[in-house]
Amino acid sequence: MNIAITAVTPESVTLNGQELARSYAESILLPLMVASQGQNHSGIIKVAEAFDTAGLALEAVPEASRIYRSHTITKQAERERLLAEARANAERCREPSRREIAEYHAEKERRAREIREHGARLRAARGR
């Protein structure tokens, strides 16, 4: 089902090439189109998405609005999950730069030097 909604104004809307009153499209056609889909949620989502994208109200069919909003929230959550997963994989596969490696080795050497100096102080304090 292709729904082409163009030329949306406060008074009228062009739906599939036919100019209609906006109130008629929102209060009569939307419920009819949703009802024609029955329990087909993907069809209801397509109808609601076409109307919502065009800026028309979905208030005439609260069930379609609920299904569509739920779908968009789920889609957004999935998109965010995939993005977070991609970031985590990129970080996991990232190779450190020469500077990061040098800083790591310098820090490791500094800690080892502190441990050696501490041991030397302890041995000196004991008289060994």
Protein backbone atom coordinates (compact mmCIF):
# COMPACT_ATOMS: atom_id res chain seq x y z
CA MET A 1 0.00 0.00 0.00
CA ASN A 2 1.60 3.22 -1.18
CA ILE A 3 0.29 6.37 0.36
CA ALA A 4 1.48 9.62 -1.20
CA ILE A 5 0.59 12.59 0.98
CA THR A 6 1.65 15.95 -0.42
CA ALA A 7 0.68 19.61 -0.25
CA VAL A 8 -0.39 19.61 3.40
CA THR A 9 -1.94 22.90 4.47
CA PRO A 10 -4.03 23.75 7.54
CA GLU A 11 -7.23 23.28 5.49
CA SER A 12 -6.41 20.69 2.82
CA VAL A 13 -4.17 17.79 1.95
CA THR A 14 -3.39 16.02 -1.31
CA LEU A 15 -3.64 12.27 -0.80
CA ASN A 16 -2.60 10.10 -3.76
CA GLY A 17 -3.20 13.04 -6.11
CA GLN A 18 -6.65 13.87 -4.77
CA GLU A 19 -7.18 17.07 -2.82
CA LEU A 20 -9.19 16.52 0.37
CA ALA A 21 -10.11 18.47 3.46
CA ARG A 22 -7.53 17.90 6.17
CA SER A 23 -10.17 17.11 8.79
CA TYR A 24 -11.68 14.50 6.45
CA ALA A 25 -8.30 12.83 5.90
CA GLU A 26 -7.51 12.78 9.63
CA SER A 27 -10.91 11.78 11.00
CA ILE A 28 -12.37 9.59 8.24
CA LEU A 29 -9.66 8.26 5.90
CA LEU A 30 -7.10 7.42 8.58
CA PRO A 31 -9.50 5.19 10.55
CA LEU A 32 -10.70 3.56 7.30
CA MET A 33 -7.17 2.86 6.12
CA VAL A 34 -6.19 1.47 9.52
CA ALA A 35 -9.35 -0.66 9.66
CA SER A 36 -8.59 -2.04 6.20
CA GLN A 37 -5.31 -3.41 7.60
CA GLY A 38 -7.09 -5.45 10.28
CA GLN A 39 -4.55 -6.92 12.72
CA ASN A 40 -1.67 -6.44 10.26
CA HIS A 41 0.65 -4.34 12.42
CA SER A 42 3.15 -3.69 9.65
CA GLY A 43 0.36 -2.29 7.47
CA ILE A 44 -0.94 -0.14 10.33
CA ILE A 45 2.58 1.15 10.93
CA LYS A 46 2.96 2.07 7.25
CA VAL A 47 -0.33 3.99 7.25
CA ALA A 48 0.44 5.75 10.53
CA GLU A 49 3.99 6.54 9.39
CA ALA A 50 2.72 8.14 6.17
CA PHE A 51 0.26 10.32 8.08
CA ASP A 52 2.77 11.20 10.82
CA THR A 53 5.53 12.04 8.33
CA ALA A 54 3.15 14.39 6.51
CA GLY A 55 2.35 16.11 9.82
CA LEU A 56 -1.22 14.86 10.10
CA ALA A 57 -2.74 13.92 13.45
CA LEU A 58 -3.13 10.29 14.49
CA GLU A 59 -5.61 11.08 17.26
CA ALA A 60 -8.58 9.53 15.44
CA VAL A 61 -7.13 6.03 15.90
CA PRO A 62 -5.41 5.76 19.30
CA GLU A 63 -4.57 2.08 18.77
CA ALA A 64 -2.70 2.83 15.53
CA SER A 65 -0.93 5.71 17.24
CA ARG A 66 0.11 3.42 20.10
CA ILE A 67 1.38 0.72 17.71
CA TYR A 68 3.29 3.30 15.65
CA ARG A 69 4.86 5.00 18.70
CA SER A 70 5.84 1.62 20.13
CA HIS A 71 7.41 0.70 16.80
CA THR A 72 9.41 3.94 16.60
CA ILE A 73 10.62 3.58 20.21
CA THR A 74 11.69 -0.02 19.57
CA LYS A 75 13.40 0.99 16.35
CA GLN A 76 15.27 3.83 18.10
CA ALA A 77 16.35 1.51 20.95
CA GLU A 78 17.63 -1.04 18.43
CA ARG A 79 19.52 1.67 16.56
CA GLU A 80 21.13 2.88 19.81
CA ARG A 81 22.02 -0.70 20.81
CA LEU A 82 23.68 -1.33 17.45
CA LEU A 83 25.57 1.94 17.67
CA ALA A 84 26.82 1.13 21.18
CA GLU A 85 27.82 -2.34 20.00
CA ALA A 86 29.68 -0.86 17.03
CA ARG A 87 31.51 1.59 19.32
CA ALA A 88 32.47 -1.23 21.71
CA ASN A 89 33.74 -3.37 18.83
CA ALA A 90 35.70 -0.45 17.39
CA GLU A 91 37.29 0.19 20.78
CA ARG A 92 38.04 -3.49 21.27
CA CYS A 93 39.70 -3.75 17.87
CA ARG A 94 41.51 -0.42 18.12
CA GLU A 95 45.28 -0.53 17.98
CA PRO A 96 47.07 1.84 20.34
CA SER A 97 49.18 4.60 18.82
CA ARG A 98 52.95 4.78 19.26
CA ARG A 99 52.47 7.56 21.80
CA GLU A 100 50.01 5.50 23.87
CA ILE A 101 52.41 2.55 23.85
CA ALA A 102 55.30 4.81 24.90
CA GLU A 103 53.20 6.31 27.72
CA TYR A 104 52.21 2.83 28.89
CA HIS A 105 55.85 1.65 29.00
CA ALA A 106 56.97 4.88 30.73
CA GLU A 107 54.28 4.43 33.41
CA LYS A 108 55.22 0.78 33.85
CA GLU A 109 58.91 1.70 34.24
CA ARG A 110 58.02 4.48 36.74
CA ARG A 111 56.05 2.04 38.91
CA ALA A 112 58.87 -0.52 38.78
CA ARG A 113 61.42 2.17 39.75
CA GLU A 114 59.23 3.24 42.72
CA ILE A 115 59.00 -0.39 43.88
CA ARG A 116 62.80 -0.83 43.60
CA GLU A 117 63.43 2.43 45.49
CA HIS A 118 60.99 1.42 48.23
CA GLY A 119 62.75 -1.94 48.60
CA ALA A 120 66.14 -0.19 48.74
CA ARG A 121 64.85 2.15 51.49
CA LEU A 122 63.55 -0.81 53.49
CA ARG A 123 66.87 -2.66 53.17
CA ALA A 124 68.80 0.48 54.15
CA ALA A 125 66.54 1.00 57.20
CA ARG A 126 67.27 -2.58 58.33
CA GLY A 127 70.97 -2.10 57.85
CA ARG A 128 71.43 -4.54 55.03
